[in-house]
Amino acid sequence: MIGCNRRDALAHAGSPCDTRSQMPLPLTLTLIAVLAALVAFAGWRGARPPDLVKGPRLVPWRAIMVTGAAVLLLLVVHLVNLLGVSTGR
């Protein structure tokens, strides 16, 4: 793109210099629902008492829960931005 700089790309949304992209609302809602279910399942599995007869847990459920919750927070902020609330400058 000849002659495009960052200021032009941000000032004129929809112009050929605009390199921003958005994830559509239905995909965002689907990812939020799937990730919320995964976080709830991982939280349930991580909270169960260890079974010493079976041996150590091979899946780090608590780490999966915390990582999923962090990504879920980012998706919720993205959803709020898609709905029109400005969270940046």
Protein backbone atom coordinates (compact mmCIF):
# COMPACT_ATOMS: atom_id res chain seq x y z
CA MET A 1 0.00 0.00 0.00
CA ILE A 2 1.81 3.03 -1.27
CA GLY A 3 1.27 6.26 0.60
CA CYS A 4 -0.59 4.74 3.57
CA ASN A 5 0.54 5.47 7.08
CA ARG A 6 -0.92 4.55 10.45
CA ARG A 7 -2.72 7.87 10.92
CA ASP A 8 -4.50 7.55 7.56
CA ALA A 9 -5.55 3.98 8.31
CA LEU A 10 -7.07 4.91 11.66
CA ALA A 11 -8.65 8.17 10.51
CA HIS A 12 -10.53 6.75 7.53
CA ALA A 13 -12.22 3.50 8.44
CA GLY A 14 -13.16 1.62 5.30
CA SER A 15 -10.45 3.22 3.19
CA PRO A 16 -7.95 1.09 1.25
CA CYS A 17 -5.41 1.98 3.94
CA ASP A 18 -7.59 0.54 6.70
CA THR A 19 -5.94 -2.66 7.94
CA ARG A 20 -8.17 -3.21 10.99
CA SER A 21 -10.43 -6.23 11.10
CA GLN A 22 -13.17 -7.25 13.46
CA MET A 23 -14.36 -10.63 14.56
CA PRO A 24 -18.12 -10.76 13.86
CA LEU A 25 -20.63 -10.71 16.71
CA PRO A 26 -21.98 -14.28 16.23
CA LEU A 27 -18.46 -15.74 16.33
CA THR A 28 -17.64 -13.70 19.44
CA LEU A 29 -20.78 -14.91 21.22
CA THR A 30 -20.08 -18.51 20.23
CA LEU A 31 -16.51 -18.36 21.50
CA ILE A 32 -17.68 -16.79 24.77
CA ALA A 33 -20.22 -19.58 25.31
CA VAL A 34 -17.76 -22.37 24.48
CA LEU A 35 -15.00 -20.87 26.60
CA ALA A 36 -17.36 -20.26 29.54
CA ALA A 37 -18.37 -23.94 29.41
CA LEU A 38 -14.72 -25.01 29.26
CA VAL A 39 -13.82 -22.78 32.21
CA ALA A 40 -16.74 -24.14 34.27
CA PHE A 41 -15.82 -27.74 33.42
CA ALA A 42 -12.14 -27.19 34.21
CA GLY A 43 -13.08 -25.49 37.49
CA TRP A 44 -15.25 -28.45 38.45
CA ARG A 45 -12.54 -30.98 37.52
CA GLY A 46 -9.80 -28.98 39.27
CA ALA A 47 -11.82 -28.71 42.49
CA ARG A 48 -12.29 -32.47 42.85
CA PRO A 49 -10.14 -34.11 45.53
CA PRO A 50 -7.17 -36.11 44.26
CA ASP A 51 -7.59 -39.87 43.95
CA LEU A 52 -4.34 -41.43 45.16
CA VAL A 53 -5.31 -44.85 43.86
CA LYS A 54 -5.48 -43.61 40.27
CA GLY A 55 -2.21 -41.66 40.59
CA PRO A 56 -1.42 -38.04 39.78
CA ARG A 57 -3.59 -35.93 37.54
CA LEU A 58 -2.19 -35.66 34.06
CA VAL A 59 -4.31 -32.69 32.98
CA PRO A 60 -3.62 -29.34 34.69
CA TRP A 61 -7.28 -28.40 35.19
CA ARG A 62 -6.60 -25.35 37.35
CA ALA A 63 -4.17 -23.88 34.82
CA ILE A 64 -6.69 -24.50 32.05
CA MET A 65 -9.36 -22.76 34.12
CA VAL A 66 -7.24 -19.67 34.86
CA THR A 67 -5.99 -19.35 31.27
CA GLY A 68 -9.51 -19.80 29.90
CA ALA A 69 -10.87 -17.18 32.30
CA ALA A 70 -8.22 -14.68 31.15
CA VAL A 71 -9.10 -15.26 27.48
CA LEU A 72 -12.79 -15.06 28.38
CA LEU A 73 -12.20 -11.64 29.93
CA LEU A 74 -10.57 -10.44 26.71
CA LEU A 75 -13.52 -11.75 24.68
CA VAL A 76 -16.00 -9.97 26.94
CA VAL A 77 -14.10 -6.69 26.46
CA HIS A 78 -14.18 -7.33 22.71
CA LEU A 79 -17.94 -7.95 22.91
CA VAL A 80 -18.44 -4.67 24.77
CA ASN A 81 -16.44 -2.90 22.04
CA LEU A 82 -18.56 -4.52 19.33
CA LEU A 83 -21.69 -3.28 21.10
CA GLY A 84 -20.45 0.29 20.79
CA VAL A 85 -18.79 1.09 24.12
CA SER A 86 -15.32 2.58 23.69
CA THR A 87 -12.85 1.07 26.16
CA GLY A 88 -9.71 2.63 24.66
CA ARG A 89 -8.57 6.18 24.20
